[in-house]
Amino acid sequence: MVTWPRHADQFNNDMLIMEMLEVGVSVGAKDYGSSLEAHEVVGGQVIAGSIGRLMESDAIQKKARDLAVKARSDVANGRSSYDAVGRLMEELTARRSSVNQG
């Protein structure tokens, strides 16, 4: 994953991807983006370099494949994450129905 944090928790997500999971390369954005404020512009060459580093890194690609296997396993039918998503969908559907009827 190429990360480019701009707002709110994206900087935390950048740290998670880069430092904890080690499955990404950052474009190096450091400032909080806002349409009302001037901020650092990340150039196309920097973005291309980040993509190149990502595509050339066997270690990052291996970690990403390993995480993909774990994620697929965790959301398989009958697993706790699968069941949790099912309950969430049921609750959201029920709330939508109650709002539409009320």
N, C-alpha and C. Protein backbone atom coordinates (compact mmCIF):
# COMPACT_ATOMS: atom_id res chain seq x y z
N MET A 1 0.85 -1.17 0.00
CA MET A 1 0.00 0.00 0.00
C MET A 1 0.90 1.23 0.00
N VAL A 2 0.57 2.17 -0.85
CA VAL A 2 1.21 3.47 -0.81
C VAL A 2 0.34 4.37 0.06
N THR A 3 0.93 4.95 1.09
CA THR A 3 0.15 5.78 2.00
C THR A 3 0.40 7.26 1.71
N TRP A 4 -0.66 8.04 1.89
CA TRP A 4 -0.60 9.48 1.69
C TRP A 4 -1.58 10.13 2.67
N PRO A 5 -1.21 10.19 3.93
CA PRO A 5 -2.14 10.74 4.92
C PRO A 5 -2.37 12.23 4.71
N ARG A 6 -3.61 12.66 4.89
CA ARG A 6 -3.97 14.07 4.71
C ARG A 6 -4.77 14.63 5.87
N HIS A 7 -5.64 13.81 6.50
CA HIS A 7 -6.56 14.31 7.51
C HIS A 7 -6.68 13.33 8.67
N ALA A 8 -7.06 13.88 9.82
CA ALA A 8 -7.53 13.15 10.99
C ALA A 8 -6.70 11.91 11.30
N ASP A 9 -7.36 10.74 11.34
CA ASP A 9 -6.69 9.52 11.76
C ASP A 9 -5.83 8.89 10.67
N GLN A 10 -5.77 9.49 9.49
CA GLN A 10 -4.97 8.93 8.42
C GLN A 10 -3.49 8.85 8.79
N PHE A 11 -3.01 9.78 9.62
CA PHE A 11 -1.63 9.73 10.05
C PHE A 11 -1.38 8.53 10.97
N ASN A 12 -2.37 8.18 11.79
CA ASN A 12 -2.27 6.97 12.61
C ASN A 12 -2.31 5.72 11.73
N ASN A 13 -3.17 5.72 10.72
CA ASN A 13 -3.25 4.59 9.80
C ASN A 13 -1.94 4.43 9.03
N ASP A 14 -1.32 5.56 8.66
CA ASP A 14 -0.03 5.54 7.99
C ASP A 14 1.00 4.83 8.87
N MET A 15 1.03 5.18 10.15
CA MET A 15 1.97 4.55 11.07
C MET A 15 1.69 3.06 11.21
N LEU A 16 0.42 2.69 11.27
CA LEU A 16 0.05 1.28 11.36
C LEU A 16 0.55 0.50 10.15
N ILE A 17 0.30 1.04 8.96
CA ILE A 17 0.71 0.37 7.72
C ILE A 17 2.23 0.29 7.61
N MET A 18 2.90 1.41 7.92
CA MET A 18 4.34 1.50 7.73
C MET A 18 5.14 0.78 8.82
N GLU A 19 4.83 1.04 10.08
CA GLU A 19 5.69 0.60 11.18
C GLU A 19 5.23 -0.69 11.84
N MET A 20 3.93 -0.88 11.96
CA MET A 20 3.46 -2.07 12.67
C MET A 20 3.26 -3.25 11.72
N LEU A 21 2.53 -3.02 10.63
CA LEU A 21 2.27 -4.11 9.68
C LEU A 21 3.39 -4.28 8.66
N GLU A 22 4.12 -3.20 8.42
CA GLU A 22 5.24 -3.19 7.46
C GLU A 22 4.82 -3.67 6.08
N VAL A 23 3.69 -3.13 5.59
CA VAL A 23 3.20 -3.53 4.27
C VAL A 23 2.99 -2.32 3.36
N GLY A 24 3.73 -1.25 3.59
CA GLY A 24 3.51 -0.07 2.77
C GLY A 24 4.72 0.83 2.66
N VAL A 25 4.57 1.81 1.77
CA VAL A 25 5.56 2.85 1.54
C VAL A 25 4.81 4.17 1.55
N SER A 26 5.35 5.14 2.27
CA SER A 26 4.69 6.44 2.36
C SER A 26 5.24 7.40 1.32
N VAL A 27 4.38 8.30 0.84
CA VAL A 27 4.86 9.35 -0.05
C VAL A 27 5.54 10.45 0.76
N GLY A 28 5.41 10.40 2.09
CA GLY A 28 6.11 11.33 2.94
C GLY A 28 5.34 12.57 3.32
N ALA A 29 4.03 12.59 3.12
CA ALA A 29 3.23 13.75 3.52
C ALA A 29 3.31 13.89 5.03
N LYS A 30 3.58 15.09 5.51
CA LYS A 30 3.74 15.31 6.94
C LYS A 30 2.77 16.33 7.50
N ASP A 31 2.11 17.11 6.64
CA ASP A 31 1.25 18.17 7.16
C ASP A 31 -0.22 17.81 6.98
N TYR A 32 -1.03 18.41 7.80
CA TYR A 32 -2.47 18.19 7.77
C TYR A 32 -3.06 18.96 6.59
N GLY A 33 -3.77 18.28 5.72
CA GLY A 33 -4.32 18.91 4.52
C GLY A 33 -5.62 19.63 4.79
N SER A 34 -5.76 20.81 4.23
CA SER A 34 -6.99 21.56 4.34
C SER A 34 -7.13 22.44 3.12
N SER A 35 -8.34 22.56 2.63
CA SER A 35 -8.56 23.42 1.47
C SER A 35 -8.41 24.89 1.83
N LEU A 36 -8.42 25.20 3.13
CA LEU A 36 -8.33 26.59 3.56
C LEU A 36 -6.90 27.02 3.87
N GLU A 37 -5.99 26.08 3.95
CA GLU A 37 -4.62 26.39 4.33
C GLU A 37 -3.66 25.94 3.25
N ALA A 38 -2.54 26.62 3.17
CA ALA A 38 -1.48 26.18 2.27
C ALA A 38 -0.81 24.96 2.90
N HIS A 39 -0.44 24.00 2.08
CA HIS A 39 0.25 22.83 2.59
C HIS A 39 1.24 22.34 1.56
N GLU A 40 2.14 21.49 2.02
CA GLU A 40 3.19 20.94 1.17
C GLU A 40 2.57 20.13 0.03
N VAL A 41 3.07 20.33 -1.17
CA VAL A 41 2.62 19.58 -2.33
C VAL A 41 3.58 18.41 -2.55
N VAL A 42 3.04 17.22 -2.68
CA VAL A 42 3.86 16.04 -2.96
C VAL A 42 3.92 15.87 -4.47
N GLY A 43 5.12 15.91 -5.02
CA GLY A 43 5.31 15.86 -6.46
C GLY A 43 5.13 14.47 -7.05
N GLY A 44 4.88 14.44 -8.35
CA GLY A 44 4.69 13.19 -9.06
C GLY A 44 5.88 12.26 -8.98
N GLN A 45 7.09 12.82 -8.99
CA GLN A 45 8.29 11.99 -8.90
C GLN A 45 8.37 11.29 -7.55
N VAL A 46 7.95 11.97 -6.50
CA VAL A 46 7.96 11.37 -5.17
C VAL A 46 6.96 10.22 -5.12
N ILE A 47 5.79 10.43 -5.68
CA ILE A 47 4.76 9.38 -5.71
C ILE A 47 5.24 8.19 -6.53
N ALA A 48 5.81 8.46 -7.69
CA ALA A 48 6.33 7.38 -8.55
C ALA A 48 7.44 6.61 -7.84
N GLY A 49 8.29 7.33 -7.10
CA GLY A 49 9.36 6.66 -6.35
C GLY A 49 8.81 5.75 -5.27
N SER A 50 7.76 6.20 -4.59
CA SER A 50 7.14 5.39 -3.55
C SER A 50 6.52 4.12 -4.14
N ILE A 51 5.85 4.28 -5.26
CA ILE A 51 5.26 3.11 -5.94
C ILE A 51 6.35 2.15 -6.38
N GLY A 52 7.44 2.69 -6.92
CA GLY A 52 8.56 1.85 -7.35
C GLY A 52 9.15 1.07 -6.19
N ARG A 53 9.37 1.73 -5.05
CA ARG A 53 9.92 1.03 -3.87
C ARG A 53 8.98 -0.08 -3.41
N LEU A 54 7.70 0.19 -3.46
CA LEU A 54 6.71 -0.80 -3.06
C LEU A 54 6.75 -2.01 -3.99
N MET A 55 6.77 -1.75 -5.28
CA MET A 55 6.73 -2.83 -6.26
C MET A 55 8.02 -3.67 -6.27
N GLU A 56 9.11 -3.07 -5.84
CA GLU A 56 10.40 -3.77 -5.84
C GLU A 56 10.70 -4.48 -4.53
N SER A 57 9.89 -4.29 -3.51
CA SER A 57 10.18 -4.85 -2.19
C SER A 57 9.56 -6.23 -2.03
N ASP A 58 10.40 -7.25 -2.09
CA ASP A 58 9.92 -8.61 -1.88
C ASP A 58 9.41 -8.80 -0.45
N ALA A 59 10.06 -8.14 0.52
CA ALA A 59 9.65 -8.28 1.93
C ALA A 59 8.24 -7.74 2.15
N ILE A 60 7.94 -6.56 1.58
CA ILE A 60 6.61 -5.97 1.74
C ILE A 60 5.57 -6.84 1.05
N GLN A 61 5.88 -7.32 -0.14
CA GLN A 61 4.93 -8.15 -0.87
C GLN A 61 4.64 -9.46 -0.13
N LYS A 62 5.68 -10.05 0.48
CA LYS A 62 5.47 -11.29 1.24
C LYS A 62 4.58 -11.03 2.45
N LYS A 63 4.86 -9.95 3.19
CA LYS A 63 4.03 -9.62 4.36
C LYS A 63 2.59 -9.37 3.94
N ALA A 64 2.39 -8.68 2.83
CA ALA A 64 1.03 -8.41 2.35
C ALA A 64 0.31 -9.71 1.99
N ARG A 65 1.00 -10.63 1.34
CA ARG A 65 0.39 -11.92 1.00
C ARG A 65 0.02 -12.69 2.27
N ASP A 66 0.92 -12.68 3.26
CA ASP A 66 0.65 -13.38 4.52
C ASP A 66 -0.56 -12.78 5.24
N LEU A 67 -0.65 -11.45 5.26
CA LEU A 67 -1.80 -10.80 5.89
C LEU A 67 -3.09 -11.09 5.12
N ALA A 68 -3.00 -11.19 3.80
CA ALA A 68 -4.19 -11.50 3.00
C ALA A 68 -4.73 -12.88 3.35
N VAL A 69 -3.84 -13.85 3.53
CA VAL A 69 -4.26 -15.20 3.91
C VAL A 69 -4.97 -15.17 5.26
N LYS A 70 -4.38 -14.45 6.23
CA LYS A 70 -4.99 -14.35 7.56
C LYS A 70 -6.35 -13.65 7.49
N ALA A 71 -6.44 -12.58 6.71
CA ALA A 71 -7.71 -11.85 6.61
C ALA A 71 -8.79 -12.71 5.99
N ARG A 72 -8.46 -13.44 4.94
CA ARG A 72 -9.45 -14.31 4.31
C ARG A 72 -9.92 -15.39 5.27
N SER A 73 -9.01 -15.91 6.06
CA SER A 73 -9.36 -16.93 7.04
C SER A 73 -10.28 -16.35 8.11
N ASP A 74 -9.99 -15.14 8.56
CA ASP A 74 -10.77 -14.53 9.63
C ASP A 74 -12.19 -14.17 9.21
N VAL A 75 -12.42 -13.94 7.93
CA VAL A 75 -13.77 -13.60 7.49
C VAL A 75 -14.47 -14.76 6.81
N ALA A 76 -13.91 -15.96 6.93
CA ALA A 76 -14.54 -17.14 6.35
C ALA A 76 -15.85 -17.44 7.07
N ASN A 77 -16.77 -18.03 6.36
CA ASN A 77 -18.08 -18.38 6.92
C ASN A 77 -17.91 -19.20 8.19
N GLY A 78 -18.59 -18.76 9.24
CA GLY A 78 -18.52 -19.46 10.51
C GLY A 78 -17.49 -18.91 11.47
N ARG A 79 -16.61 -18.04 11.02
CA ARG A 79 -15.60 -17.44 11.90
C ARG A 79 -16.19 -16.22 12.59
N SER A 80 -15.55 -15.76 13.67
CA SER A 80 -16.11 -14.68 14.47
C SER A 80 -16.25 -13.38 13.69
N SER A 81 -15.29 -13.05 12.83
CA SER A 81 -15.39 -11.81 12.05
C SER A 81 -16.54 -11.88 11.06
N TYR A 82 -16.76 -13.04 10.46
CA TYR A 82 -17.87 -13.23 9.53
C TYR A 82 -19.18 -13.01 10.26
N ASP A 83 -19.29 -13.61 11.44
CA ASP A 83 -20.51 -13.48 12.23
C ASP A 83 -20.73 -12.04 12.67
N ALA A 84 -19.64 -11.34 13.06
CA ALA A 84 -19.76 -9.95 13.52
C ALA A 84 -20.24 -9.04 12.39
N VAL A 85 -19.73 -9.25 11.18
CA VAL A 85 -20.17 -8.44 10.04
C VAL A 85 -21.63 -8.74 9.74
N GLY A 86 -22.03 -9.98 9.84
CA GLY A 86 -23.43 -10.34 9.63
C GLY A 86 -24.35 -9.64 10.62
N ARG A 87 -23.96 -9.62 11.90
CA ARG A 87 -24.76 -8.93 12.91
C ARG A 87 -24.82 -7.43 12.63
N LEU A 88 -23.71 -6.84 12.23
CA LEU A 88 -23.68 -5.43 11.90
C LEU A 88 -24.64 -5.13 10.75
N MET A 89 -24.60 -5.93 9.71
CA MET A 89 -25.49 -5.72 8.56
C MET A 89 -26.96 -5.84 8.98
N GLU A 90 -27.26 -6.81 9.82
CA GLU A 90 -28.64 -6.97 10.29
C GLU A 90 -29.08 -5.73 11.08
N GLU A 91 -28.22 -5.23 11.95
CA GLU A 91 -28.57 -4.05 12.74
C GLU A 91 -28.76 -2.82 11.86
N LEU A 92 -27.88 -2.63 10.90
CA LEU A 92 -28.00 -1.47 10.01
C LEU A 92 -29.28 -1.56 9.16
N THR A 93 -29.59 -2.75 8.69
CA THR A 93 -30.81 -2.94 7.92
C THR A 93 -32.04 -2.65 8.78
N ALA A 94 -32.03 -3.11 10.01
CA ALA A 94 -33.16 -2.88 10.91
C ALA A 94 -33.31 -1.39 11.20
N ARG A 95 -32.19 -0.69 11.41
CA ARG A 95 -32.27 0.76 11.66
C ARG A 95 -32.79 1.50 10.45
N ARG A 96 -32.34 1.10 9.27
CA ARG A 96 -32.83 1.76 8.04
C ARG A 96 -34.33 1.56 7.92
N SER A 97 -34.80 0.35 8.20
CA SER A 97 -36.24 0.06 8.10
C SER A 97 -37.03 0.91 9.08
N SER A 98 -36.51 1.06 10.31
CA SER A 98 -37.25 1.83 11.31
C SER A 98 -37.25 3.31 10.94
N VAL A 99 -36.20 3.82 10.34
CA VAL A 99 -36.16 5.23 9.92
C VAL A 99 -37.11 5.45 8.74
N ASN A 100 -37.12 4.53 7.80
CA ASN A 100 -38.00 4.66 6.63
C ASN A 100 -39.48 4.55 7.00
N GLN A 101 -39.80 3.79 8.06
CA GLN A 101 -41.18 3.64 8.46
C GLN A 101 -41.64 4.76 9.36
N GLY A 102 -40.70 5.42 10.01
CA GLY A 102 -41.07 6.45 10.99
C GLY A 102 -41.15 7.77 10.38
